[in-house]
Amino acid sequence: MTDVTTIQLSKSVVKKLKKIKKYPRQTYNELILYLIKHSESVRMRNQYDEFLHKIQQPKMRELWDNEYDEAWEDA
């Protein structure tokens, strides 16, 4: 048997966890593992988006910061 621990959660947290269960008999352990996995995938996606944004900045600056576009600002 794996090690098991007891954690204390407020009733409001338990109520919210119950609302996001995929099926009624899903354990809180399964639910928390799912939330951890989802959180990690979101973090990885955000890192990828930040990477793309960072490598695109020089080209966007080159395209947008030019004399031709600045002339149109005063038109």
PDB file of N, CA and C in Angstrom:
ATOM      1  N   MET A   1       0.840  -1.185   0.000  1.00  0.00           N
ATOM      2  CA  MET A   1       0.000   0.000   0.000  1.00  0.00           C
ATOM      3  C   MET A   1       0.884   1.247   0.000  1.00  0.00           C
ATOM      4  N   THR A   2       0.449   2.271  -0.702  1.00  0.00           N
ATOM      5  CA  THR A   2       1.222   3.502  -0.776  1.00  0.00           C
ATOM      6  C   THR A   2       1.020   4.320   0.484  1.00  0.00           C
ATOM      7  N   ASP A   3       1.920   5.226   0.709  1.00  0.00           N
ATOM      8  CA  ASP A   3       1.791   6.114   1.856  1.00  0.00           C
ATOM      9  C   ASP A   3       0.607   7.048   1.639  1.00  0.00           C
ATOM     10  N   VAL A   4      -0.152   7.231   2.682  1.00  0.00           N
ATOM     11  CA  VAL A   4      -1.327   8.096   2.602  1.00  0.00           C
ATOM     12  C   VAL A   4      -1.228   9.120   3.720  1.00  0.00           C
ATOM     13  N   THR A   5      -1.693  10.323   3.436  1.00  0.00           N
ATOM     14  CA  THR A   5      -1.688  11.382   4.429  1.00  0.00           C
ATOM     15  C   THR A   5      -3.068  12.020   4.498  1.00  0.00           C
ATOM     16  N   THR A   6      -3.295  12.739   5.531  1.00  0.00           N
ATOM     17  CA  THR A   6      -4.548  13.456   5.696  1.00  0.00           C
ATOM     18  C   THR A   6      -4.248  14.941   5.569  1.00  0.00           C
ATOM     19  N   ILE A   7      -5.049  15.624   4.764  1.00  0.00           N
ATOM     20  CA  ILE A   7      -4.888  17.071   4.639  1.00  0.00           C
ATOM     21  C   ILE A   7      -6.192  17.727   5.058  1.00  0.00           C
ATOM     22  N   GLN A   8      -6.094  18.925   5.549  1.00  0.00           N
ATOM     23  CA  GLN A   8      -7.293  19.650   5.956  1.00  0.00           C
ATOM     24  C   GLN A   8      -7.656  20.649   4.876  1.00  0.00           C
ATOM     25  N   LEU A   9      -8.914  20.613   4.485  1.00  0.00           N
ATOM     26  CA  LEU A   9      -9.426  21.539   3.484  1.00  0.00           C
ATOM     27  C   LEU A   9     -10.648  22.226   4.065  1.00  0.00           C
ATOM     28  N   SER A  10     -10.791  23.481   3.724  1.00  0.00           N
ATOM     29  CA  SER A  10     -11.995  24.170   4.173  1.00  0.00           C
ATOM     30  C   SER A  10     -13.197  23.610   3.419  1.00  0.00           C
ATOM     31  N   LYS A  11     -14.363  23.772   3.988  1.00  0.00           N
ATOM     32  CA  LYS A  11     -15.568  23.233   3.358  1.00  0.00           C
ATOM     33  C   LYS A  11     -15.830  23.883   2.005  1.00  0.00           C
ATOM     34  N   SER A  12     -15.444  25.127   1.868  1.00  0.00           N
ATOM     35  CA  SER A  12     -15.651  25.801   0.578  1.00  0.00           C
ATOM     36  C   SER A  12     -14.782  25.176  -0.514  1.00  0.00           C
ATOM     37  N   VAL A  13     -13.570  24.755  -0.152  1.00  0.00           N
ATOM     38  CA  VAL A  13     -12.687  24.101  -1.120  1.00  0.00           C
ATOM     39  C   VAL A  13     -13.257  22.737  -1.502  1.00  0.00           C
ATOM     40  N   VAL A  14     -13.731  21.999  -0.530  1.00  0.00           N
ATOM     41  CA  VAL A  14     -14.323  20.684  -0.805  1.00  0.00           C
ATOM     42  C   VAL A  14     -15.529  20.847  -1.717  1.00  0.00           C
ATOM     43  N   LYS A  15     -16.326  21.856  -1.474  1.00  0.00           N
ATOM     44  CA  LYS A  15     -17.507  22.118  -2.303  1.00  0.00           C
ATOM     45  C   LYS A  15     -17.094  22.400  -3.758  1.00  0.00           C
ATOM     46  N   LYS A  16     -16.037  23.193  -3.928  1.00  0.00           N
ATOM     47  CA  LYS A  16     -15.553  23.497  -5.284  1.00  0.00           C
ATOM     48  C   LYS A  16     -14.970  22.265  -5.955  1.00  0.00           C
ATOM     49  N   LEU A  17     -14.258  21.441  -5.179  1.00  0.00           N
ATOM     50  CA  LEU A  17     -13.719  20.205  -5.741  1.00  0.00           C
ATOM     51  C   LEU A  17     -14.841  19.282  -6.205  1.00  0.00           C
ATOM     52  N   LYS A  18     -15.898  19.199  -5.435  1.00  0.00           N
ATOM     53  CA  LYS A  18     -17.033  18.357  -5.814  1.00  0.00           C
ATOM     54  C   LYS A  18     -17.641  18.820  -7.141  1.00  0.00           C
ATOM     55  N   LYS A  19     -17.666  20.118  -7.363  1.00  0.00           N
ATOM     56  CA  LYS A  19     -18.253  20.665  -8.590  1.00  0.00           C
ATOM     57  C   LYS A  19     -17.444  20.314  -9.838  1.00  0.00           C
ATOM     58  N   ILE A  20     -16.138  20.133  -9.684  1.00  0.00           N
ATOM     59  CA  ILE A  20     -15.316  19.887 -10.879  1.00  0.00           C
ATOM     60  C   ILE A  20     -14.992  18.413 -11.101  1.00  0.00           C
ATOM     61  N   LYS A  21     -15.552  17.552 -10.295  1.00  0.00           N
ATOM     62  CA  LYS A  21     -15.332  16.123 -10.504  1.00  0.00           C
ATOM     63  C   LYS A  21     -15.861  15.713 -11.869  1.00  0.00           C
ATOM     64  N   LYS A  22     -15.152  14.802 -12.529  1.00  0.00           N
ATOM     65  CA  LYS A  22     -15.591  14.300 -13.836  1.00  0.00           C
ATOM     66  C   LYS A  22     -16.730  13.307 -13.684  1.00  0.00           C
ATOM     67  N   TYR A  23     -16.718  12.561 -12.607  1.00  0.00           N
ATOM     68  CA  TYR A  23     -17.785  11.601 -12.329  1.00  0.00           C
ATOM     69  C   TYR A  23     -17.951  11.536 -10.813  1.00  0.00           C
ATOM     70  N   PRO A  24     -19.121  11.183 -10.326  1.00  0.00           N
ATOM     71  CA  PRO A  24     -19.431  11.267  -8.890  1.00  0.00           C
ATOM     72  C   PRO A  24     -18.497  10.480  -7.972  1.00  0.00           C
ATOM     73  N   ARG A  25     -18.000   9.343  -8.415  1.00  0.00           N
ATOM     74  CA  ARG A  25     -17.164   8.530  -7.533  1.00  0.00           C
ATOM     75  C   ARG A  25     -15.668   8.792  -7.692  1.00  0.00           C
ATOM     76  N   GLN A  26     -15.336   9.828  -8.420  1.00  0.00           N
ATOM     77  CA  GLN A  26     -13.930  10.188  -8.581  1.00  0.00           C
ATOM     78  C   GLN A  26     -13.370  10.598  -7.217  1.00  0.00           C
ATOM     79  N   THR A  27     -12.212  10.064  -6.879  1.00  0.00           N
ATOM     80  CA  THR A  27     -11.616  10.396  -5.583  1.00  0.00           C
ATOM     81  C   THR A  27     -10.952  11.766  -5.645  1.00  0.00           C
ATOM     82  N   TYR A  28     -10.788  12.355  -4.484  1.00  0.00           N
ATOM     83  CA  TYR A  28     -10.102  13.638  -4.435  1.00  0.00           C
ATOM     84  C   TYR A  28      -8.642  13.476  -4.865  1.00  0.00           C
ATOM     85  N   ASN A  29      -8.063  12.340  -4.577  1.00  0.00           N
ATOM     86  CA  ASN A  29      -6.693  12.066  -5.004  1.00  0.00           C
ATOM     87  C   ASN A  29      -6.599  12.109  -6.535  1.00  0.00           C
ATOM     88  N   GLU A  30      -7.513  11.445  -7.215  1.00  0.00           N
ATOM     89  CA  GLU A  30      -7.535  11.455  -8.686  1.00  0.00           C
ATOM     90  C   GLU A  30      -7.748  12.872  -9.209  1.00  0.00           C
ATOM     91  N   LEU A  31      -8.643  13.573  -8.570  1.00  0.00           N
ATOM     92  CA  LEU A  31      -8.963  14.928  -8.997  1.00  0.00           C
ATOM     93  C   LEU A  31      -7.759  15.858  -8.828  1.00  0.00           C
ATOM     94  N   ILE A  32      -7.091  15.758  -7.713  1.00  0.00           N
ATOM     95  CA  ILE A  32      -5.922  16.602  -7.471  1.00  0.00           C
ATOM     96  C   ILE A  32      -4.795  16.253  -8.441  1.00  0.00           C
ATOM     97  N   LEU A  33      -4.596  14.979  -8.716  1.00  0.00           N
ATOM     98  CA  LEU A  33      -3.582  14.584  -9.704  1.00  0.00           C
ATOM     99  C   LEU A  33      -3.915  15.156 -11.078  1.00  0.00           C
ATOM    100  N   TYR A  34      -5.201  15.120 -11.447  1.00  0.00           N
ATOM    101  CA  TYR A  34      -5.632  15.707 -12.719  1.00  0.00           C
ATOM    102  C   TYR A  34      -5.331  17.211 -12.741  1.00  0.00           C
ATOM    103  N   LEU A  35      -5.632  17.907 -11.650  1.00  0.00           N
ATOM    104  CA  LEU A  35      -5.392  19.352 -11.589  1.00  0.00           C
ATOM    105  C   LEU A  35      -3.902  19.675 -11.680  1.00  0.00           C
ATOM    106  N   ILE A  36      -3.079  18.848 -11.056  1.00  0.00           N
ATOM    107  CA  ILE A  36      -1.627  19.047 -11.133  1.00  0.00           C
ATOM    108  C   ILE A  36      -1.146  18.867 -12.573  1.00  0.00           C
ATOM    109  N   LYS A  37      -1.607  17.812 -13.216  1.00  0.00           N
ATOM    110  CA  LYS A  37      -1.213  17.544 -14.606  1.00  0.00           C
ATOM    111  C   LYS A  37      -1.654  18.688 -15.516  1.00  0.00           C
ATOM    112  N   HIS A  38      -2.878  19.154 -15.322  1.00  0.00           N
ATOM    113  CA  HIS A  38      -3.398  20.261 -16.124  1.00  0.00           C
ATOM    114  C   HIS A  38      -2.574  21.529 -15.893  1.00  0.00           C
ATOM    115  N   SER A  39      -2.240  21.793 -14.652  1.00  0.00           N
ATOM    116  CA  SER A  39      -1.442  22.969 -14.311  1.00  0.00           C
ATOM    117  C   SER A  39      -0.074  22.912 -14.984  1.00  0.00           C
ATOM    118  N   GLU A  40       0.541  21.738 -14.994  1.00  0.00           N
ATOM    119  CA  GLU A  40       1.853  21.590 -15.636  1.00  0.00           C
ATOM    120  C   GLU A  40       1.767  21.812 -17.136  1.00  0.00           C
ATOM    121  N   SER A  41       0.698  21.327 -17.766  1.00  0.00           N
ATOM    122  CA  SER A  41       0.570  21.520 -19.214  1.00  0.00           C
ATOM    123  C   SER A  41       0.328  22.990 -19.550  1.00  0.00           C
ATOM    124  N   VAL A  42      -0.430  23.680 -18.714  1.00  0.00           N
ATOM    125  CA  VAL A  42      -0.662  25.111 -18.926  1.00  0.00           C
ATOM    126  C   VAL A  42       0.651  25.876 -18.771  1.00  0.00           C
ATOM    127  N   ARG A  43       1.431  25.505 -17.779  1.00  0.00           N
ATOM    128  CA  ARG A  43       2.720  26.164 -17.564  1.00  0.00           C
ATOM    129  C   ARG A  43       3.635  25.966 -18.763  1.00  0.00           C
ATOM    130  N   MET A  44       3.668  24.750 -19.311  1.00  0.00           N
ATOM    131  CA  MET A  44       4.510  24.484 -20.484  1.00  0.00           C
ATOM    132  C   MET A  44       4.035  25.290 -21.684  1.00  0.00           C
ATOM    133  N   ARG A  45       2.719  25.379 -21.876  1.00  0.00           N
ATOM    134  CA  ARG A  45       2.163  26.148 -22.988  1.00  0.00           C
ATOM    135  C   ARG A  45       2.521  27.620 -22.839  1.00  0.00           C
ATOM    136  N   ASN A  46       2.442  28.148 -21.613  1.00  0.00           N
ATOM    137  CA  ASN A  46       2.789  29.546 -21.381  1.00  0.00           C
ATOM    138  C   ASN A  46       4.263  29.802 -21.653  1.00  0.00           C
ATOM    139  N   GLN A  47       5.125  28.860 -21.292  1.00  0.00           N
ATOM    140  CA  GLN A  47       6.550  29.015 -21.571  1.00  0.00           C
ATOM    141  C   GLN A  47       6.791  29.049 -23.073  1.00  0.00           C
ATOM    142  N   TYR A  48       6.075  28.227 -23.819  1.00  0.00           N
ATOM    143  CA  TYR A  48       6.217  28.204 -25.272  1.00  0.00           C
ATOM    144  C   TYR A  48       5.740  29.531 -25.862  1.00  0.00           C
ATOM    145  N   ASP A  49       4.609  30.037 -25.382  1.00  0.00           N
ATOM    146  CA  ASP A  49       4.099  31.318 -25.875  1.00  0.00           C
ATOM    147  C   ASP A  49       5.070  32.455 -25.573  1.00  0.00           C
ATOM    148  N   GLU A  50       5.639  32.450 -24.378  1.00  0.00           N
ATOM    149  CA  GLU A  50       6.619  33.475 -24.026  1.00  0.00           C
ATOM    150  C   GLU A  50       7.853  33.381 -24.917  1.00  0.00           C
ATOM    151  N   PHE A  51       8.290  32.161 -25.213  1.00  0.00           N
ATOM    152  CA  PHE A  51       9.437  31.962 -26.096  1.00  0.00           C
ATOM    153  C   PHE A  51       9.151  32.536 -27.481  1.00  0.00           C
ATOM    154  N   LEU A  52       7.978  32.209 -28.033  1.00  0.00           N
ATOM    155  CA  LEU A  52       7.625  32.741 -29.354  1.00  0.00           C
ATOM    156  C   LEU A  52       7.566  34.255 -29.350  1.00  0.00           C
ATOM    157  N   HIS A  53       6.970  34.806 -28.318  1.00  0.00           N
ATOM    158  CA  HIS A  53       6.861  36.258 -28.222  1.00  0.00           C
ATOM    159  C   HIS A  53       8.251  36.895 -28.187  1.00  0.00           C
ATOM    160  N   LYS A  54       9.145  36.302 -27.430  1.00  0.00           N
ATOM    161  CA  LYS A  54      10.490  36.850 -27.290  1.00  0.00           C
ATOM    162  C   LYS A  54      11.249  36.822 -28.614  1.00  0.00           C
ATOM    163  N   ILE A  55      11.144  35.724 -29.370  1.00  0.00           N
ATOM    164  CA  ILE A  55      11.899  35.654 -30.629  1.00  0.00           C
ATOM    165  C   ILE A  55      11.253  36.487 -31.732  1.00  0.00           C
ATOM    166  N   GLN A  56       9.978  36.821 -31.586  1.00  0.00           N
ATOM    167  CA  GLN A  56       9.303  37.641 -32.588  1.00  0.00           C
ATOM    168  C   GLN A  56       9.512  39.133 -32.363  1.00  0.00           C
ATOM    169  N   GLN A  57       9.877  39.529 -31.167  1.00  0.00           N
ATOM    170  CA  GLN A  57      10.010  40.949 -30.857  1.00  0.00           C
ATOM    171  C   GLN A  57      10.962  41.706 -31.779  1.00  0.00           C
ATOM    172  N   PRO A  58      12.164  41.219 -32.042  1.00  0.00           N
ATOM    173  CA  PRO A  58      13.051  41.992 -32.929  1.00  0.00           C
ATOM    174  C   PRO A  58      12.469  42.214 -34.324  1.00  0.00           C
ATOM    175  N   LYS A  59      11.830  41.196 -34.895  1.00  0.00           N
ATOM    176  CA  LYS A  59      11.256  41.346 -36.235  1.00  0.00           C
ATOM    177  C   LYS A  59      10.075  42.309 -36.215  1.00  0.00           C
ATOM    178  N   MET A  60       9.246  42.221 -35.188  1.00  0.00           N
ATOM    179  CA  MET A  60       8.107  43.130 -35.098  1.00  0.00           C
ATOM    180  C   MET A  60       8.587  44.570 -34.923  1.00  0.00           C
ATOM    181  N   ARG A  61       9.637  44.755 -34.131  1.00  0.00           N
ATOM    182  CA  ARG A  61      10.188  46.097 -33.955  1.00  0.00           C
ATOM    183  C   ARG A  61      10.702  46.621 -35.292  1.00  0.00           C
ATOM    184  N   GLU A  62      11.356  45.753 -36.066  1.00  0.00           N
ATOM    185  CA  GLU A  62      11.874  46.129 -37.382  1.00  0.00           C
ATOM    186  C   GLU A  62      10.730  46.515 -38.317  1.00  0.00           C
ATOM    187  N   LEU A  63       9.656  45.766 -38.277  1.00  0.00           N
ATOM    188  CA  LEU A  63       8.530  46.033 -39.163  1.00  0.00           C
ATOM    189  C   LEU A  63       7.732  47.259 -38.761  1.00  0.00           C
ATOM    190  N   TRP A  64       7.579  47.489 -37.478  1.00  0.00           N
ATOM    191  CA  TRP A  64       6.696  48.548 -37.015  1.00  0.00           C
ATOM    192  C   TRP A  64       7.410  49.863 -36.758  1.00  0.00           C
ATOM    193  N   ASP A  65       8.656  49.817 -36.370  1.00  0.00           N
ATOM    194  CA  ASP A  65       9.391  51.048 -36.082  1.00  0.00           C
ATOM    195  C   ASP A  65      10.154  51.492 -37.318  1.00  0.00           C
ATOM    196  N   ASN A  66       9.444  52.137 -38.237  1.00  0.00           N
ATOM    197  CA  ASN A  66      10.114  52.636 -39.438  1.00  0.00           C
ATOM    198  C   ASN A  66       9.545  54.004 -39.793  1.00  0.00           C
ATOM    199  N   GLU A  67      10.278  54.733 -40.603  1.00  0.00           N
ATOM    200  CA  GLU A  67       9.895  56.106 -40.945  1.00  0.00           C
ATOM    201  C   GLU A  67       8.594  56.161 -41.724  1.00  0.00           C
ATOM    202  N   TYR A  68       8.341  55.178 -42.563  1.00  0.00           N
ATOM    203  CA  TYR A  68       7.129  55.176 -43.383  1.00  0.00           C
ATOM    204  C   TYR A  68       5.876  55.158 -42.503  1.00  0.00           C
ATOM    205  N   ASP A  69       5.858  54.298 -41.510  1.00  0.00           N
ATOM    206  CA  ASP A  69       4.699  54.199 -40.631  1.00  0.00           C
ATOM    207  C   ASP A  69       4.567  55.439 -39.760  1.00  0.00           C
ATOM    208  N   GLU A  70       5.683  56.000 -39.349  1.00  0.00           N
ATOM    209  CA  GLU A  70       5.628  57.201 -38.509  1.00  0.00           C
ATOM    210  C   GLU A  70       5.060  58.390 -39.284  1.00  0.00           C
ATOM    211  N   ALA A  71       5.273  58.446 -40.589  1.00  0.00           N
ATOM    212  CA  ALA A  71       4.718  59.530 -41.398  1.00  0.00           C
ATOM    213  C   ALA A  71       3.187  59.468 -41.407  1.00  0.00           C
ATOM    214  N   TRP A  72       2.621  58.288 -41.364  1.00  0.00           N
ATOM    215  CA  TRP A  72       1.175  58.126 -41.360  1.00  0.00           C
ATOM    216  C   TRP A  72       0.533  58.552 -40.035  1.00  0.00           C
ATOM    217  N   GLU A  73       1.294  58.543 -38.955  1.00  0.00           N
ATOM    218  CA  GLU A  73       0.748  58.937 -37.669  1.00  0.00           C
ATOM    219  C   GLU A  73       0.302  60.378 -37.667  1.00  0.00           C
ATOM    220  N   ASP A  74       0.978  61.226 -38.461  1.00  0.00           N
ATOM    221  CA  ASP A  74       0.646  62.652 -38.503  1.00  0.00           C
ATOM    222  C   ASP A  74      -0.319  63.006 -39.621  1.00  0.00           C
ATOM    223  N   ALA A  75      -0.740  62.043 -40.393  1.00  0.00           N
ATOM    224  CA  ALA A  75      -1.611  62.327 -41.532  1.00  0.00           C
ATOM    225  C   ALA A  75      -3.009  62.664 -41.091  1.00  0.00           C
TER     226      ALA A  75
END
